[in-house]
Amino acid sequence: MHDREAALVERLNAELVNVRWSTAEEIRGRARRRTLIRLVVGAFASVVLLGTGTAAIATLGPAVYDVPALPGGDVPTTSPVRSTTALGLPSPASPGKPVPEEALLQPVDVGAGLVVDRVNTGRDEPVTLLDPATLNHCPAFTRSRFDTVYAQQYRRHTVQQPPTVYAAPETGEPVVHEEVYRVSVDDASRILADVHRIVTDCDRFVSTGSAQSGTRVIDVEAEHHWAVLGERLGGDESLLIEHRVTVRSREPDETFSDSDTYLMAVIRLGDLVALIQPVDTDRDRARELASAAAARLCLAAIRGC
C-alpha cells in the first residue's frame, strides 16, 4: 500500500504543480456572498460548509436522497425512508469495509500549508448528493421518486487552512470538502444516473424566500441554473456540475440583487461514490481536483484500478 500511495502522490504533484489556488481573502469574500445566498435559497451543502461545516452530507446542497443533518447542525424537515424487505422491515446496509483516510483528497493533492479537519465517519446513513430543500421548487424533481440508498460506510473531511483557534476547526478557511460513501456496485451506478437525470431535468427553476437588506426583510426570488459541465473526469463514471443562483428582490421599491456559482464533482469507482465540493469556482481547478479524487478512490474501491 505504501508504494501505491507514494506513486499516487508523485503523480498528483506533477499534475497540480501549475495550479493556482485562491488566496484566503478571495475565499473569505466568496464566503460572505454565499452566506447571503444561503439565507435565501435554504441549506446548500457547499454554502453551509463555509460557515460551520462540521458534517456536510454528500450534496449539491442537501440531497436527492434524504438527509439526516447538515454541516453546522441544520436539520431538514424531510425524513429518510429506507427500502424494505419482503416482511416490510427496513433493510440496513451491509457492513462493508470502512473508507480509509487515504481514499480522500489530502493536503498534498490540494495545496501547500493545508490540513485535513472536520472529519466524520460512520455507516448506515442515507447517501445525500442533491438538495431537496432547493430542488423541491423544481417541478420535474417533485414529480419523480427516488429510493433512498444507505451507505455501508462513509467518510467526510475538509481540506482547509489551519484553524486560527485551537480545537475550533470551523475557524480554518475551507478549500475543498469531500465525502466518500461505500455502497453496492449497482447502487453506485444508480446514484450517478439519478444525479445526472435530476441536474438535466432541473436545469432552470425559480424558488422564493426572504432576505435581509439593511434593516429590512424583503421578499426575493432565486433563479437556479444547473448544468453538467463535463464527464469522464476519472473513475468508472464522473460528473462536473455547476449550480448558479441569482437572487433578486420581488418588491418594486427595492433593487436588491446578488448571485453566485457553485461547482461540485460526483465520481463513481466500483462500490464507492465521492462528492467533491471546492470552494473555488475555477472550472479547470475543479477538474484537477476531481481527477485527483478519482485516483485516490483506487486505494479503497472493491476492485482497485
Protein backbone atom coordinates (compact mmCIF):
# COMPACT_ATOMS: atom_id res chain seq x y z
CA MET A 1 0.00 0.00 0.00
CA HIS A 2 2.88 2.38 0.82
CA ASP A 3 4.36 2.04 -2.70
CA ARG A 4 0.94 2.70 -4.28
CA GLU A 5 0.43 5.81 -2.14
CA ALA A 6 3.92 7.13 -2.93
CA ALA A 7 3.36 6.65 -6.67
CA LEU A 8 -0.03 8.35 -6.44
CA VAL A 9 1.39 11.36 -4.57
CA GLU A 10 4.22 11.72 -7.10
CA ARG A 11 1.76 11.68 -10.00
CA LEU A 12 -0.61 14.18 -8.37
CA ASN A 13 2.24 16.55 -7.54
CA ALA A 14 3.26 16.58 -11.20
CA GLU A 15 -0.30 17.24 -12.35
CA LEU A 16 -1.03 20.02 -9.83
CA VAL A 17 2.28 21.89 -9.96
CA ASN A 18 0.91 24.70 -12.16
CA VAL A 19 -2.45 25.09 -10.43
CA ARG A 20 -3.11 28.50 -8.82
CA TRP A 21 -5.15 28.31 -5.61
CA SER A 22 -7.38 31.09 -4.31
CA THR A 23 -5.97 33.36 -1.61
CA ALA A 24 -7.53 33.35 1.85
CA GLU A 25 -9.05 36.78 1.17
CA GLU A 26 -10.67 35.55 -2.05
CA ILE A 27 -12.16 32.61 -0.15
CA ARG A 28 -13.44 34.86 2.63
CA GLY A 29 -15.09 37.19 0.12
CA ARG A 30 -16.84 34.28 -1.56
CA ALA A 31 -17.96 33.00 1.83
CA ARG A 32 -19.60 36.33 2.65
CA ARG A 33 -21.57 36.30 -0.62
CA ARG A 34 -22.62 32.69 -0.18
CA THR A 35 -23.88 33.32 3.33
CA LEU A 36 -26.42 35.72 1.84
CA ILE A 37 -27.41 33.26 -0.89
CA ARG A 38 -27.86 30.52 1.72
CA LEU A 39 -30.32 32.67 3.67
CA VAL A 40 -32.45 32.94 0.56
CA VAL A 41 -32.34 29.51 -1.08
CA GLY A 42 -32.04 27.28 2.01
CA ALA A 43 -29.37 24.89 3.24
CA PHE A 44 -26.95 24.19 0.40
CA ALA A 45 -24.11 21.96 1.43
CA SER A 46 -21.32 23.87 -0.29
CA VAL A 47 -22.55 27.08 1.32
CA VAL A 48 -23.07 25.73 4.81
CA LEU A 49 -19.53 24.42 4.78
CA LEU A 50 -18.18 27.94 4.54
CA GLY A 51 -19.77 28.92 7.81
CA THR A 52 -19.57 25.95 10.16
CA GLY A 53 -19.03 22.71 8.32
CA THR A 54 -18.85 20.04 10.99
CA ALA A 55 -20.64 17.35 8.96
CA ALA A 56 -21.67 18.05 5.41
CA ILE A 57 -23.75 15.44 3.73
CA ALA A 58 -22.88 14.50 0.25
CA THR A 59 -24.86 17.05 -1.60
CA LEU A 60 -25.17 19.55 -4.19
CA GLY A 61 -26.93 21.08 -1.27
CA PRO A 62 -28.78 18.52 0.93
CA ALA A 63 -29.91 15.82 -1.38
CA VAL A 64 -31.60 13.70 -3.94
CA TYR A 65 -31.59 11.05 -1.29
CA ASP A 66 -32.92 12.30 2.04
CA VAL A 67 -30.53 13.76 4.57
CA PRO A 68 -30.32 13.42 8.36
CA ALA A 69 -28.27 16.53 9.19
CA LEU A 70 -26.30 19.29 7.56
CA PRO A 71 -22.91 20.73 8.37
CA GLY A 72 -23.29 23.08 11.29
CA GLY A 73 -26.27 21.21 12.69
CA ASP A 74 -29.07 22.35 10.36
CA VAL A 75 -31.69 19.62 10.11
CA PRO A 76 -34.01 19.39 7.10
CA THR A 77 -37.66 18.61 7.69
CA THR A 78 -37.71 15.61 5.36
CA SER A 79 -37.22 12.15 6.88
CA PRO A 80 -35.33 9.31 5.19
CA VAL A 81 -37.39 6.33 4.10
CA ARG A 82 -35.49 3.06 3.90
CA SER A 83 -36.11 0.40 1.31
CA THR A 84 -38.00 -2.52 2.84
CA THR A 85 -37.65 -6.28 2.88
CA ALA A 86 -40.41 -8.71 1.94
CA LEU A 87 -41.51 -8.55 5.58
CA GLY A 88 -41.91 -4.78 5.35
CA LEU A 89 -38.97 -4.12 7.68
CA PRO A 90 -36.13 -1.65 6.98
CA SER A 91 -33.15 -3.11 5.14
CA PRO A 92 -29.90 -1.96 6.81
CA ALA A 93 -26.79 -1.65 4.70
CA SER A 94 -24.27 -4.49 4.68
CA PRO A 95 -21.26 -3.76 6.92
CA GLY A 96 -18.63 -3.25 4.17
CA LYS A 97 -15.05 -2.11 4.75
CA PRO A 98 -14.51 1.32 6.34
CA VAL A 99 -13.42 4.06 3.95
CA PRO A 100 -9.76 4.84 4.78
CA GLU A 101 -8.46 8.39 5.11
CA GLU A 102 -6.08 8.00 2.18
CA ALA A 103 -9.02 7.36 -0.18
CA LEU A 104 -9.97 11.05 0.12
CA LEU A 105 -8.10 14.12 -1.09
CA GLN A 106 -5.11 15.01 1.08
CA PRO A 107 -3.31 18.35 1.54
CA VAL A 108 -0.52 17.17 -0.76
CA ASP A 109 -3.13 16.88 -3.54
CA VAL A 110 -4.64 20.29 -2.93
CA GLY A 111 -2.10 22.91 -1.85
CA ALA A 112 0.76 23.82 0.45
CA GLY A 113 0.14 24.62 4.12
CA LEU A 114 -3.26 22.94 4.31
CA VAL A 115 -4.58 20.41 6.81
CA VAL A 116 -7.36 17.81 7.00
CA ASP A 117 -10.08 18.67 9.52
CA ARG A 118 -13.82 18.30 10.22
CA VAL A 119 -13.52 14.53 9.89
CA ASN A 120 -16.66 12.42 10.23
CA THR A 121 -17.05 8.67 9.70
CA GLY A 122 -19.80 6.13 10.17
CA ARG A 123 -22.15 3.69 8.49
CA ASP A 124 -25.79 3.02 7.64
CA GLU A 125 -26.58 6.61 6.64
CA PRO A 126 -28.51 7.86 3.60
CA VAL A 127 -26.33 8.87 0.68
CA THR A 128 -27.16 12.53 0.14
CA LEU A 129 -25.97 14.16 -3.06
CA LEU A 130 -28.54 16.80 -4.01
CA ASP A 131 -30.60 19.25 -2.01
CA PRO A 132 -34.34 18.56 -1.72
CA ALA A 133 -34.80 21.87 0.13
CA THR A 134 -33.77 23.60 -3.09
CA LEU A 135 -34.94 21.04 -5.65
CA ASN A 136 -38.45 20.83 -4.21
CA HIS A 137 -39.04 24.04 -6.19
CA CYS A 138 -38.28 22.13 -9.42
CA PRO A 139 -41.48 20.56 -10.85
CA ALA A 140 -39.57 17.71 -12.51
CA PHE A 141 -37.99 16.76 -9.17
CA THR A 142 -41.25 16.79 -7.22
CA ARG A 143 -42.86 14.51 -9.84
CA SER A 144 -40.06 11.94 -9.54
CA ARG A 145 -39.46 9.20 -6.99
CA PHE A 146 -36.03 8.20 -5.76
CA ASP A 147 -35.31 5.31 -3.44
CA THR A 148 -33.04 6.09 -0.51
CA VAL A 149 -29.64 4.39 -0.70
CA TYR A 150 -27.95 3.68 2.63
CA ALA A 151 -24.15 3.73 2.80
CA GLN A 152 -22.39 0.70 4.19
CA GLN A 153 -19.60 3.04 5.32
CA TYR A 154 -18.77 6.72 4.78
CA ARG A 155 -16.03 9.22 5.48
CA ARG A 156 -16.15 13.01 5.20
CA HIS A 157 -13.49 15.62 5.67
CA THR A 158 -12.40 19.11 4.66
CA VAL A 159 -9.01 20.14 3.35
CA GLN A 160 -8.54 23.65 4.69
CA GLN A 161 -6.29 26.31 6.10
CA PRO A 162 -5.16 25.54 9.68
CA PRO A 163 -7.70 26.73 12.29
CA THR A 164 -6.98 30.11 13.85
CA VAL A 165 -8.45 28.99 17.19
CA TYR A 166 -7.32 25.82 18.97
CA ALA A 167 -9.87 22.97 18.78
CA ALA A 168 -12.16 25.07 16.57
CA PRO A 169 -11.86 23.59 13.05
CA GLU A 170 -14.56 25.90 11.73
CA THR A 171 -12.13 28.83 12.11
CA GLY A 172 -9.97 27.42 9.30
CA GLU A 173 -10.83 28.60 5.77
CA PRO A 174 -12.06 25.55 3.78
CA VAL A 175 -10.60 24.85 0.35
CA VAL A 176 -12.38 21.65 -0.64
CA HIS A 177 -14.81 19.34 1.10
CA GLU A 178 -15.12 15.67 0.18
CA GLU A 179 -17.39 12.81 1.14
CA VAL A 180 -16.98 9.18 0.10
CA TYR A 181 -19.70 6.56 0.50
CA ARG A 182 -19.35 2.79 0.16
CA VAL A 183 -22.48 1.18 -1.31
CA SER A 184 -23.15 -1.77 -3.59
CA VAL A 185 -21.81 -1.51 -7.13
CA ASP A 186 -25.38 -1.47 -8.50
CA ASP A 187 -26.43 1.31 -6.10
CA ALA A 188 -23.35 3.35 -7.00
CA SER A 189 -24.27 3.21 -10.67
CA ARG A 190 -27.89 4.14 -9.94
CA ILE A 191 -26.86 7.12 -7.83
CA LEU A 192 -24.83 8.60 -10.69
CA ALA A 193 -27.71 8.04 -13.12
CA ASP A 194 -30.17 9.74 -10.76
CA VAL A 195 -27.91 12.75 -10.24
CA HIS A 196 -27.42 13.17 -13.99
CA ARG A 197 -31.15 12.94 -14.64
CA ILE A 198 -32.10 15.46 -11.95
CA VAL A 199 -29.49 18.03 -13.00
CA THR A 200 -30.68 17.70 -16.60
CA ASP A 201 -34.41 17.86 -15.76
CA CYS A 202 -33.95 20.76 -13.29
CA ASP A 203 -31.70 22.88 -15.48
CA ARG A 204 -33.68 26.02 -14.64
CA PHE A 205 -36.29 26.82 -11.98
CA VAL A 206 -37.23 29.60 -9.56
CA SER A 207 -37.65 29.50 -5.78
CA THR A 208 -38.90 32.24 -3.46
CA GLY A 209 -37.95 33.36 0.04
CA SER A 210 -36.80 36.38 2.03
CA ALA A 211 -33.53 38.17 2.66
CA GLN A 212 -32.12 40.90 4.87
CA SER A 213 -31.50 44.19 3.06
CA GLY A 214 -30.18 46.78 5.50
CA THR A 215 -32.69 46.86 8.34
CA ARG A 216 -35.50 45.38 6.25
CA VAL A 217 -36.53 41.81 5.45
CA ILE A 218 -37.68 41.72 1.84
CA ASP A 219 -39.33 39.15 -0.44
CA VAL A 220 -36.96 37.76 -3.05
CA GLU A 221 -36.82 35.13 -5.74
CA ALA A 222 -33.87 32.92 -6.61
CA GLU A 223 -33.32 31.73 -10.16
CA HIS A 224 -31.42 28.43 -10.29
CA HIS A 225 -29.44 27.11 -13.25
CA TRP A 226 -27.97 23.59 -13.08
CA ALA A 227 -25.69 22.10 -15.72
CA VAL A 228 -23.38 19.16 -16.29
CA LEU A 229 -20.13 20.78 -17.41
CA GLY A 230 -18.17 17.62 -18.03
CA GLU A 231 -17.93 13.87 -17.70
CA ARG A 232 -15.18 11.22 -17.73
CA LEU A 233 -13.01 13.03 -15.19
CA GLY A 234 -11.89 9.71 -13.69
CA GLY A 235 -13.29 6.56 -12.11
CA ASP A 236 -15.97 4.47 -13.80
CA GLU A 237 -18.27 7.49 -14.13
CA SER A 238 -17.96 11.12 -13.13
CA LEU A 239 -19.81 14.42 -13.49
CA LEU A 240 -18.70 18.00 -13.04
CA ILE A 241 -21.78 20.03 -12.08
CA GLU A 242 -22.42 23.75 -11.84
CA HIS A 243 -25.22 25.41 -9.86
CA ARG A 244 -25.70 29.14 -10.49
CA VAL A 245 -28.06 31.15 -8.29
CA THR A 246 -29.25 34.70 -8.93
CA VAL A 247 -31.29 36.35 -6.18
CA ARG A 248 -33.48 39.39 -6.92
CA SER A 249 -35.95 41.47 -4.95
CA ARG A 250 -39.65 40.93 -5.64
CA GLU A 251 -40.51 44.33 -4.19
CA PRO A 252 -40.82 47.33 -6.56
CA ASP A 253 -39.08 49.78 -4.22
CA GLU A 254 -36.06 47.55 -3.57
CA THR A 255 -33.21 46.93 -6.03
CA PHE A 256 -31.55 44.12 -4.08
CA SER A 257 -29.70 41.58 -6.27
CA ASP A 258 -26.88 39.06 -5.80
CA SER A 259 -25.57 35.90 -7.46
CA ASP A 260 -23.05 33.12 -7.00
CA THR A 261 -21.85 29.91 -8.60
CA TYR A 262 -21.10 26.52 -7.01
CA LEU A 263 -19.10 23.68 -8.52
CA MET A 264 -19.14 20.06 -7.48
CA ALA A 265 -17.97 16.73 -8.85
CA VAL A 266 -19.60 13.34 -8.33
CA ILE A 267 -17.44 10.28 -9.01
CA ARG A 268 -18.15 6.55 -9.00
CA LEU A 269 -15.48 3.87 -8.85
CA GLY A 270 -16.68 0.33 -8.17
CA ASP A 271 -18.56 0.41 -4.87
CA LEU A 272 -17.51 3.97 -3.92
CA VAL A 273 -19.28 7.26 -4.64
CA ALA A 274 -17.47 10.53 -3.92
CA LEU A 275 -18.70 14.11 -3.79
CA ILE A 276 -16.08 16.86 -4.14
CA GLN A 277 -17.09 20.43 -3.32
CA PRO A 278 -14.36 23.02 -3.92
CA VAL A 279 -14.82 26.49 -2.50
CA ASP A 280 -13.11 27.89 -5.57
CA THR A 281 -15.25 28.36 -8.71
CA ASP A 282 -12.47 27.83 -11.24
CA ARG A 283 -13.64 25.06 -13.57
CA ASP A 284 -10.16 23.88 -14.57
CA ARG A 285 -9.18 23.60 -10.92
CA ALA A 286 -12.36 21.67 -10.16
CA ARG A 287 -11.47 19.21 -12.93
CA GLU A 288 -7.98 18.78 -11.47
CA LEU A 289 -9.38 18.07 -8.02
CA ALA A 290 -11.94 15.63 -9.43
CA SER A 291 -9.23 13.71 -11.27
CA ALA A 292 -7.06 13.61 -8.16
CA ALA A 293 -10.03 12.42 -6.07
CA ALA A 294 -10.79 9.67 -8.60
CA ALA A 295 -7.20 8.46 -8.37
CA ARG A 296 -7.45 8.38 -4.58
CA LEU A 297 -10.52 6.13 -4.76
CA CYS A 298 -8.32 3.44 -6.31
CA LEU A 299 -6.84 2.86 -2.84
CA ALA A 300 -10.16 1.66 -1.40
CA ALA A 301 -12.57 0.60 -4.16
CA ILE A 302 -13.70 -3.01 -4.24
CA ARG A 303 -11.67 -3.77 -7.35
CA GLY A 304 -8.99 -1.07 -7.25
CA CYS A 305 -7.69 0.42 -10.52
